[in-house]
Amino acid sequence: MPILSTTDLNVSRLCLGGNVFGWTADEDQSFAVLDAYTEAGGNFVDTADVYSAWGEGNSGGESETIIGRWLAGRSDRDQIVVATKVGMLAGFNNQKRDTVLTAAERSLKRLGVDHIDLYYNHLDDLNTPLEETLAAYDQLVRDGKVRHIAASNFSADRLAKALEIQEREGFAKFVALQPEYSLVSRAKFEGELQDTVARLGLATLTYSSLAKGFLSGKYRPGVEVQSARAGAASKFLDEHGLQVLEVLDELAETHETSVASVALAWLAQQPTVAAPIASARTLEQLSDLLAVLTLELSQAEVDRLSAI
């Protein structure tokens, strides 16, 4: 397994997203997916305190709680890299010092662990001085409650400024960025932000890697998909999206694998990307993702997809 950026974290090529746990996947389904993922060689699980507050009857923390119960039944906790985030849950939707420190304690309790392997600033807070925010994350690292820290949803300028402050103050540094990035959603990351990540020596861990499920290949003209994310995924069903699916179909057939795995492999082979994040509600959905753990596209195939 590759080492994540400048850390001592060995992570698998697919990071399993926990946003569906406690939402469209109940505890038993979540446990089954987590078990199958680790049995296939995966070791990297991503969640957040806000997952899945949007579900009916939920208030946030459901995903962390399920993952915590799953971890409690395992003897290999230290082999599982757990990432979570703070900054979007109601009441904790800022990056003030007290918010960060209190939210971390709550996440630790829900996860049932004594440390978080990778802790994200989930959303850049322009109303709180970066120095205050970054000092709080540094304290968590110094206290041993967090091993490494990362950023999500940062602009290139703010990311560079954060690293400058961390360097100047001797704070623990961000080691990764989690941006939205996929074959059909590239403009937000490619260019200045990607160049900044590379210049700063950070790893990239992508969310919405399958574009809300569109790149699973199940969304086609005239096909009705029963999914909580169908509306968001269907917006990619345009001329560009259809061109991407056409090439993905061909490459999936060539490699005797799923459309989703090819789309994730393209991401995994992009500059700075350490692992795409993708979620699965069922074992069937997970099976479509697992090939990316070992799938390597040729450079010509990568270039062909990039050119669309």
Protein backbone atom coordinates (compact mmCIF):
# COMPACT_ATOMS: atom_id res chain seq x y z
CA MET A 1 0.00 0.00 0.00
CA PRO A 2 1.28 3.51 -0.77
CA ILE A 3 2.20 5.89 2.04
CA LEU A 4 -0.06 8.94 2.18
CA SER A 5 1.99 12.05 1.38
CA THR A 6 4.54 12.80 4.12
CA THR A 7 2.75 10.66 6.73
CA ASP A 8 3.27 7.18 8.11
CA LEU A 9 -0.22 6.15 6.95
CA ASN A 10 -0.29 3.23 4.53
CA VAL A 11 -3.58 3.50 2.63
CA SER A 12 -5.33 1.40 0.04
CA ARG A 13 -5.99 2.70 -3.47
CA LEU A 14 -9.74 2.95 -2.74
CA CYS A 15 -11.01 4.89 0.27
CA LEU A 16 -14.44 3.70 1.37
CA GLY A 17 -16.86 6.58 1.88
CA GLY A 18 -19.07 6.41 4.96
CA ASN A 19 -21.69 8.97 3.92
CA VAL A 20 -24.32 6.26 3.30
CA PHE A 21 -23.88 4.55 6.69
CA GLY A 22 -26.91 5.32 8.82
CA TRP A 23 -28.69 6.83 5.81
CA THR A 24 -29.35 4.48 2.89
CA ALA A 25 -27.42 1.64 4.57
CA ASP A 26 -28.49 0.49 8.02
CA GLU A 27 -26.05 -0.92 10.56
CA ASP A 28 -26.16 -4.52 9.29
CA GLN A 29 -25.69 -3.42 5.66
CA SER A 30 -22.87 -1.08 6.69
CA PHE A 31 -21.08 -3.83 8.62
CA ALA A 32 -21.36 -6.18 5.63
CA VAL A 33 -19.88 -3.57 3.27
CA LEU A 34 -17.06 -2.71 5.70
CA ASP A 35 -16.24 -6.39 6.22
CA ALA A 36 -16.15 -7.12 2.49
CA TYR A 37 -14.06 -4.02 1.80
CA THR A 38 -11.38 -4.98 4.32
CA GLU A 39 -11.43 -8.64 3.25
CA ALA A 40 -10.63 -7.42 -0.28
CA GLY A 41 -7.60 -5.51 0.99
CA GLY A 42 -9.04 -2.08 1.73
CA ASN A 43 -8.03 -0.28 4.92
CA PHE A 44 -9.09 3.37 4.53
CA VAL A 45 -12.51 4.61 5.72
CA ASP A 46 -13.76 8.19 5.35
CA THR A 47 -16.59 9.78 7.34
CA ALA A 48 -17.60 13.08 8.97
CA ASP A 49 -19.53 14.28 12.00
CA VAL A 50 -22.27 15.59 9.68
CA TYR A 51 -22.88 12.15 8.12
CA SER A 52 -25.76 11.59 7.79
CA ALA A 53 -27.68 14.50 9.30
CA TRP A 54 -29.76 14.87 6.13
CA GLY A 55 -31.42 11.48 6.60
CA GLU A 56 -34.92 11.34 8.04
CA GLY A 57 -34.75 11.30 11.83
CA ASN A 58 -30.98 11.83 11.87
CA SER A 59 -29.02 14.56 13.61
CA GLY A 60 -25.45 13.76 12.54
CA GLY A 61 -22.88 11.35 13.88
CA GLU A 62 -24.76 8.26 12.66
CA SER A 63 -21.97 7.18 10.31
CA GLU A 64 -19.24 7.62 12.94
CA THR A 65 -21.31 5.64 15.45
CA ILE A 66 -21.77 2.72 13.06
CA ILE A 67 -18.08 2.69 12.15
CA GLY A 68 -17.23 2.80 15.86
CA ARG A 69 -19.40 -0.22 16.59
CA TRP A 70 -17.81 -2.05 13.69
CA LEU A 71 -14.30 -1.21 14.87
CA ALA A 72 -15.17 -2.41 18.38
CA GLY A 73 -15.69 -5.91 17.02
CA ARG A 74 -12.30 -6.07 15.32
CA SER A 75 -8.82 -6.83 16.60
CA ASP A 76 -7.05 -4.86 13.84
CA ARG A 77 -8.02 -1.27 14.69
CA ASP A 78 -4.45 -0.10 14.11
CA GLN A 79 -4.56 -1.48 10.56
CA ILE A 80 -7.64 0.60 9.67
CA VAL A 81 -7.02 4.24 8.70
CA VAL A 82 -10.00 6.28 9.90
CA ALA A 83 -10.64 9.78 8.55
CA THR A 84 -13.35 12.13 9.76
CA LYS A 85 -14.18 15.83 9.53
CA VAL A 86 -15.53 18.87 11.35
CA GLY A 87 -17.20 22.01 10.06
CA MET A 88 -20.58 21.23 8.48
CA LEU A 89 -22.74 19.82 11.28
CA ALA A 90 -25.32 22.24 12.69
CA GLY A 91 -23.91 23.78 15.86
CA PHE A 92 -20.39 22.86 14.76
CA ASN A 93 -20.44 24.54 11.34
CA ASN A 94 -17.46 26.79 11.86
CA GLN A 95 -13.74 26.46 12.55
CA LYS A 96 -13.44 28.25 15.86
CA ARG A 97 -11.01 26.77 18.39
CA ASP A 98 -13.65 25.51 20.80
CA THR A 99 -15.71 24.03 17.95
CA VAL A 100 -12.77 22.06 16.57
CA LEU A 101 -11.68 20.75 19.97
CA THR A 102 -15.19 19.83 21.15
CA ALA A 103 -16.16 18.23 17.84
CA ALA A 104 -13.01 16.11 17.88
CA GLU A 105 -13.86 14.79 21.36
CA ARG A 106 -17.35 13.87 20.19
CA SER A 107 -16.04 12.13 17.09
CA LEU A 108 -13.55 10.17 19.18
CA LYS A 109 -16.36 9.03 21.47
CA ARG A 110 -18.67 8.02 18.61
CA LEU A 111 -15.84 6.17 16.86
CA GLY A 112 -14.77 4.53 20.11
CA VAL A 113 -11.09 5.22 19.44
CA ASP A 114 -8.32 7.09 21.25
CA HIS A 115 -7.09 8.84 18.12
CA ILE A 116 -8.27 9.88 14.68
CA ASP A 117 -5.82 9.00 11.91
CA LEU A 118 -6.75 11.84 9.55
CA TYR A 119 -8.86 14.80 10.70
CA TYR A 120 -10.24 17.24 8.13
CA ASN A 121 -11.17 20.87 8.24
CA HIS A 122 -14.36 20.09 6.31
CA LEU A 123 -15.11 23.60 5.08
CA ASP A 124 -12.93 26.70 5.11
CA ASP A 125 -14.36 29.24 7.58
CA LEU A 126 -13.69 32.74 6.30
CA ASN A 127 -15.10 34.29 9.49
CA THR A 128 -12.53 32.73 11.83
CA PRO A 129 -8.84 33.66 11.66
CA LEU A 130 -6.84 30.81 10.15
CA GLU A 131 -4.31 31.16 12.95
CA GLU A 132 -7.00 30.29 15.53
CA THR A 133 -8.26 27.34 13.52
CA LEU A 134 -4.85 25.90 12.75
CA ALA A 135 -3.69 26.27 16.35
CA ALA A 136 -6.64 24.10 17.43
CA TYR A 137 -5.73 21.34 14.97
CA ASP A 138 -2.12 21.56 16.09
CA GLN A 139 -3.21 21.09 19.72
CA LEU A 140 -5.13 17.94 18.77
CA VAL A 141 -2.01 16.51 17.14
CA ARG A 142 0.22 17.47 20.09
CA ASP A 143 -2.28 15.89 22.49
CA GLY A 144 -2.18 12.63 20.51
CA LYS A 145 -5.87 12.75 19.68
CA VAL A 146 -5.22 13.20 15.96
CA ARG A 147 -2.32 11.76 13.97
CA HIS A 148 -2.54 13.94 10.85
CA ILE A 149 -4.70 16.79 9.58
CA ALA A 150 -6.07 17.72 6.17
CA ALA A 151 -8.27 20.23 4.37
CA SER A 152 -11.43 19.93 2.34
CA ASN A 153 -13.19 22.46 0.12
CA PHE A 154 -10.34 24.99 0.21
CA SER A 155 -9.38 27.37 -2.59
CA ALA A 156 -5.81 27.39 -3.86
CA ASP A 157 -5.08 30.75 -2.19
CA ARG A 158 -6.48 29.75 1.19
CA LEU A 159 -4.73 26.40 1.10
CA ALA A 160 -1.38 28.06 0.39
CA LYS A 161 -2.01 30.61 3.14
CA ALA A 162 -2.83 27.86 5.64
CA LEU A 163 0.40 26.01 4.89
CA GLU A 164 2.34 29.26 5.18
CA ILE A 165 0.90 29.88 8.65
CA GLN A 166 1.56 26.29 9.72
CA GLU A 167 5.17 26.59 8.58
CA ARG A 168 5.67 29.97 10.27
CA GLU A 169 4.09 28.97 13.59
CA GLY A 170 5.53 25.47 13.73
CA PHE A 171 2.03 23.96 13.65
CA ALA A 172 1.18 20.49 12.41
CA LYS A 173 0.70 20.77 8.65
CA PHE A 174 -2.08 19.68 6.34
CA VAL A 175 -0.98 16.53 4.52
CA ALA A 176 -3.88 16.21 2.07
CA LEU A 177 -6.76 17.96 0.35
CA GLN A 178 -10.19 16.46 -0.27
CA PRO A 179 -11.80 18.21 -3.27
CA GLU A 180 -14.71 17.30 -5.50
CA TYR A 181 -13.20 15.64 -8.56
CA SER A 182 -14.36 13.13 -11.13
CA LEU A 183 -14.29 12.46 -14.86
CA VAL A 184 -17.36 14.65 -15.34
CA SER A 185 -16.51 17.29 -12.72
CA ARG A 186 -12.98 18.51 -13.33
CA ALA A 187 -12.98 22.31 -13.48
CA LYS A 188 -12.98 22.92 -9.71
CA PHE A 189 -9.76 20.99 -9.17
CA GLU A 190 -7.71 20.88 -12.33
CA GLY A 191 -5.53 23.92 -12.87
CA GLU A 192 -4.57 26.25 -10.02
CA LEU A 193 -5.81 24.07 -7.15
CA GLN A 194 -4.17 20.90 -8.46
CA ASP A 195 -0.95 22.82 -9.14
CA THR A 196 -0.98 24.22 -5.59
CA VAL A 197 -1.50 20.76 -4.08
CA ALA A 198 1.46 19.46 -6.11
CA ARG A 199 3.68 22.41 -5.18
CA LEU A 200 2.92 22.00 -1.48
CA GLY A 201 3.54 18.25 -1.59
CA LEU A 202 0.04 17.27 -0.51
CA ALA A 203 -1.96 14.17 -1.39
CA THR A 204 -5.39 14.39 -3.00
CA LEU A 205 -8.33 12.29 -1.80
CA THR A 206 -11.32 12.91 -4.03
CA TYR A 207 -14.98 13.05 -3.07
CA SER A 208 -17.94 12.61 -5.43
CA SER A 209 -15.49 10.42 -7.35
CA LEU A 210 -18.36 8.73 -9.18
CA ALA A 211 -20.37 11.96 -9.60
CA LYS A 212 -23.18 11.02 -7.21
CA GLY A 213 -23.31 7.56 -8.80
CA PHE A 214 -23.49 8.69 -12.42
CA LEU A 215 -20.15 7.05 -13.21
CA SER A 216 -21.41 3.72 -11.95
CA GLY A 217 -22.85 3.39 -15.45
CA LYS A 218 -26.42 2.72 -14.36
CA TYR A 219 -27.71 6.14 -15.46
CA ARG A 220 -28.65 5.96 -19.13
CA PRO A 221 -31.19 7.75 -21.36
CA GLY A 222 -34.67 6.39 -20.67
CA VAL A 223 -33.56 4.41 -17.60
CA GLU A 224 -35.21 5.23 -14.28
CA VAL A 225 -32.94 4.61 -11.30
CA GLN A 226 -34.35 4.19 -7.80
CA SER A 227 -31.81 6.01 -5.66
CA ALA A 228 -31.75 8.81 -3.11
CA ARG A 229 -29.09 10.45 -5.30
CA ALA A 230 -30.81 9.95 -8.65
CA GLY A 231 -31.66 13.62 -9.09
CA ALA A 232 -28.10 14.79 -8.46
CA ALA A 233 -26.60 12.06 -10.66
CA SER A 234 -28.96 12.63 -13.58
CA LYS A 235 -27.70 16.16 -14.13
CA PHE A 236 -24.57 14.65 -15.71
CA LEU A 237 -26.66 12.82 -18.31
CA ASP A 238 -25.81 15.27 -21.11
CA GLU A 239 -23.74 15.04 -24.30
CA HIS A 240 -20.46 15.19 -22.40
CA GLY A 241 -21.58 12.59 -19.87
CA LEU A 242 -22.70 10.23 -22.63
CA GLN A 243 -19.33 10.58 -24.38
CA VAL A 244 -17.57 9.67 -21.13
CA LEU A 245 -19.83 6.64 -20.63
CA GLU A 246 -19.17 5.44 -24.18
CA VAL A 247 -15.42 5.27 -23.58
CA LEU A 248 -15.85 3.86 -20.07
CA ASP A 249 -18.05 1.08 -21.49
CA GLU A 250 -15.38 0.15 -24.01
CA LEU A 251 -12.53 0.17 -21.47
CA ALA A 252 -14.58 -1.78 -18.92
CA GLU A 253 -15.15 -4.47 -21.54
CA THR A 254 -11.44 -4.49 -22.43
CA HIS A 255 -10.40 -4.96 -18.81
CA GLU A 256 -13.35 -7.23 -17.98
CA THR A 257 -14.36 -4.99 -15.10
CA SER A 258 -17.00 -2.44 -14.14
CA VAL A 259 -17.52 1.07 -15.50
CA ALA A 260 -17.14 2.39 -11.94
CA SER A 261 -13.73 0.77 -11.48
CA VAL A 262 -12.43 2.28 -14.72
CA ALA A 263 -13.67 5.74 -13.69
CA LEU A 264 -11.97 5.35 -10.29
CA ALA A 265 -8.77 4.04 -11.88
CA TRP A 266 -8.60 7.16 -14.06
CA LEU A 267 -8.80 9.25 -10.90
CA ALA A 268 -6.25 7.14 -9.04
CA GLN A 269 -3.76 7.70 -11.88
CA GLN A 270 -4.10 11.50 -11.87
CA PRO A 271 -1.23 13.61 -10.52
CA THR A 272 -1.29 13.95 -6.69
CA VAL A 273 -4.31 11.63 -6.25
CA ALA A 274 -3.61 9.04 -3.54
CA ALA A 275 -7.04 7.44 -3.45
CA PRO A 276 -10.51 8.25 -4.74
CA ILE A 277 -13.29 8.04 -2.16
CA ALA A 278 -16.41 6.08 -3.13
CA SER A 279 -19.29 4.70 -1.12
CA ALA A 280 -21.39 1.57 -1.43
CA ARG A 281 -24.76 0.84 0.11
CA THR A 282 -24.75 -2.87 -0.77
CA LEU A 283 -22.29 -5.66 -1.44
CA GLU A 284 -23.31 -5.57 -5.10
CA GLN A 285 -22.38 -1.89 -5.34
CA LEU A 286 -19.11 -2.53 -3.52
CA SER A 287 -18.14 -5.30 -5.92
CA ASP A 288 -18.22 -2.74 -8.75
CA LEU A 289 -15.60 -0.66 -6.94
CA LEU A 290 -13.10 -3.18 -5.66
CA ALA A 291 -11.25 -3.78 -8.94
CA VAL A 292 -9.68 -0.32 -8.61
CA LEU A 293 -7.52 -1.72 -5.81
CA THR A 294 -5.41 -3.36 -8.52
CA LEU A 295 -6.63 -2.02 -11.90
CA GLU A 296 -4.03 -0.13 -13.94
CA LEU A 297 -5.02 1.68 -17.12
CA SER A 298 -2.45 2.26 -19.82
CA GLN A 299 -1.29 5.82 -20.30
CA ALA A 300 -3.06 5.83 -23.66
CA GLU A 301 -6.32 4.86 -21.95
CA VAL A 302 -5.90 7.53 -19.30
CA ASP A 303 -5.18 10.12 -21.99
CA ARG A 304 -8.18 9.03 -24.02
CA LEU A 305 -10.52 9.59 -21.08
CA SER A 306 -8.84 12.89 -20.19
CA ALA A 307 -9.31 14.19 -23.73
CA ILE A 308 -13.11 13.94 -23.68
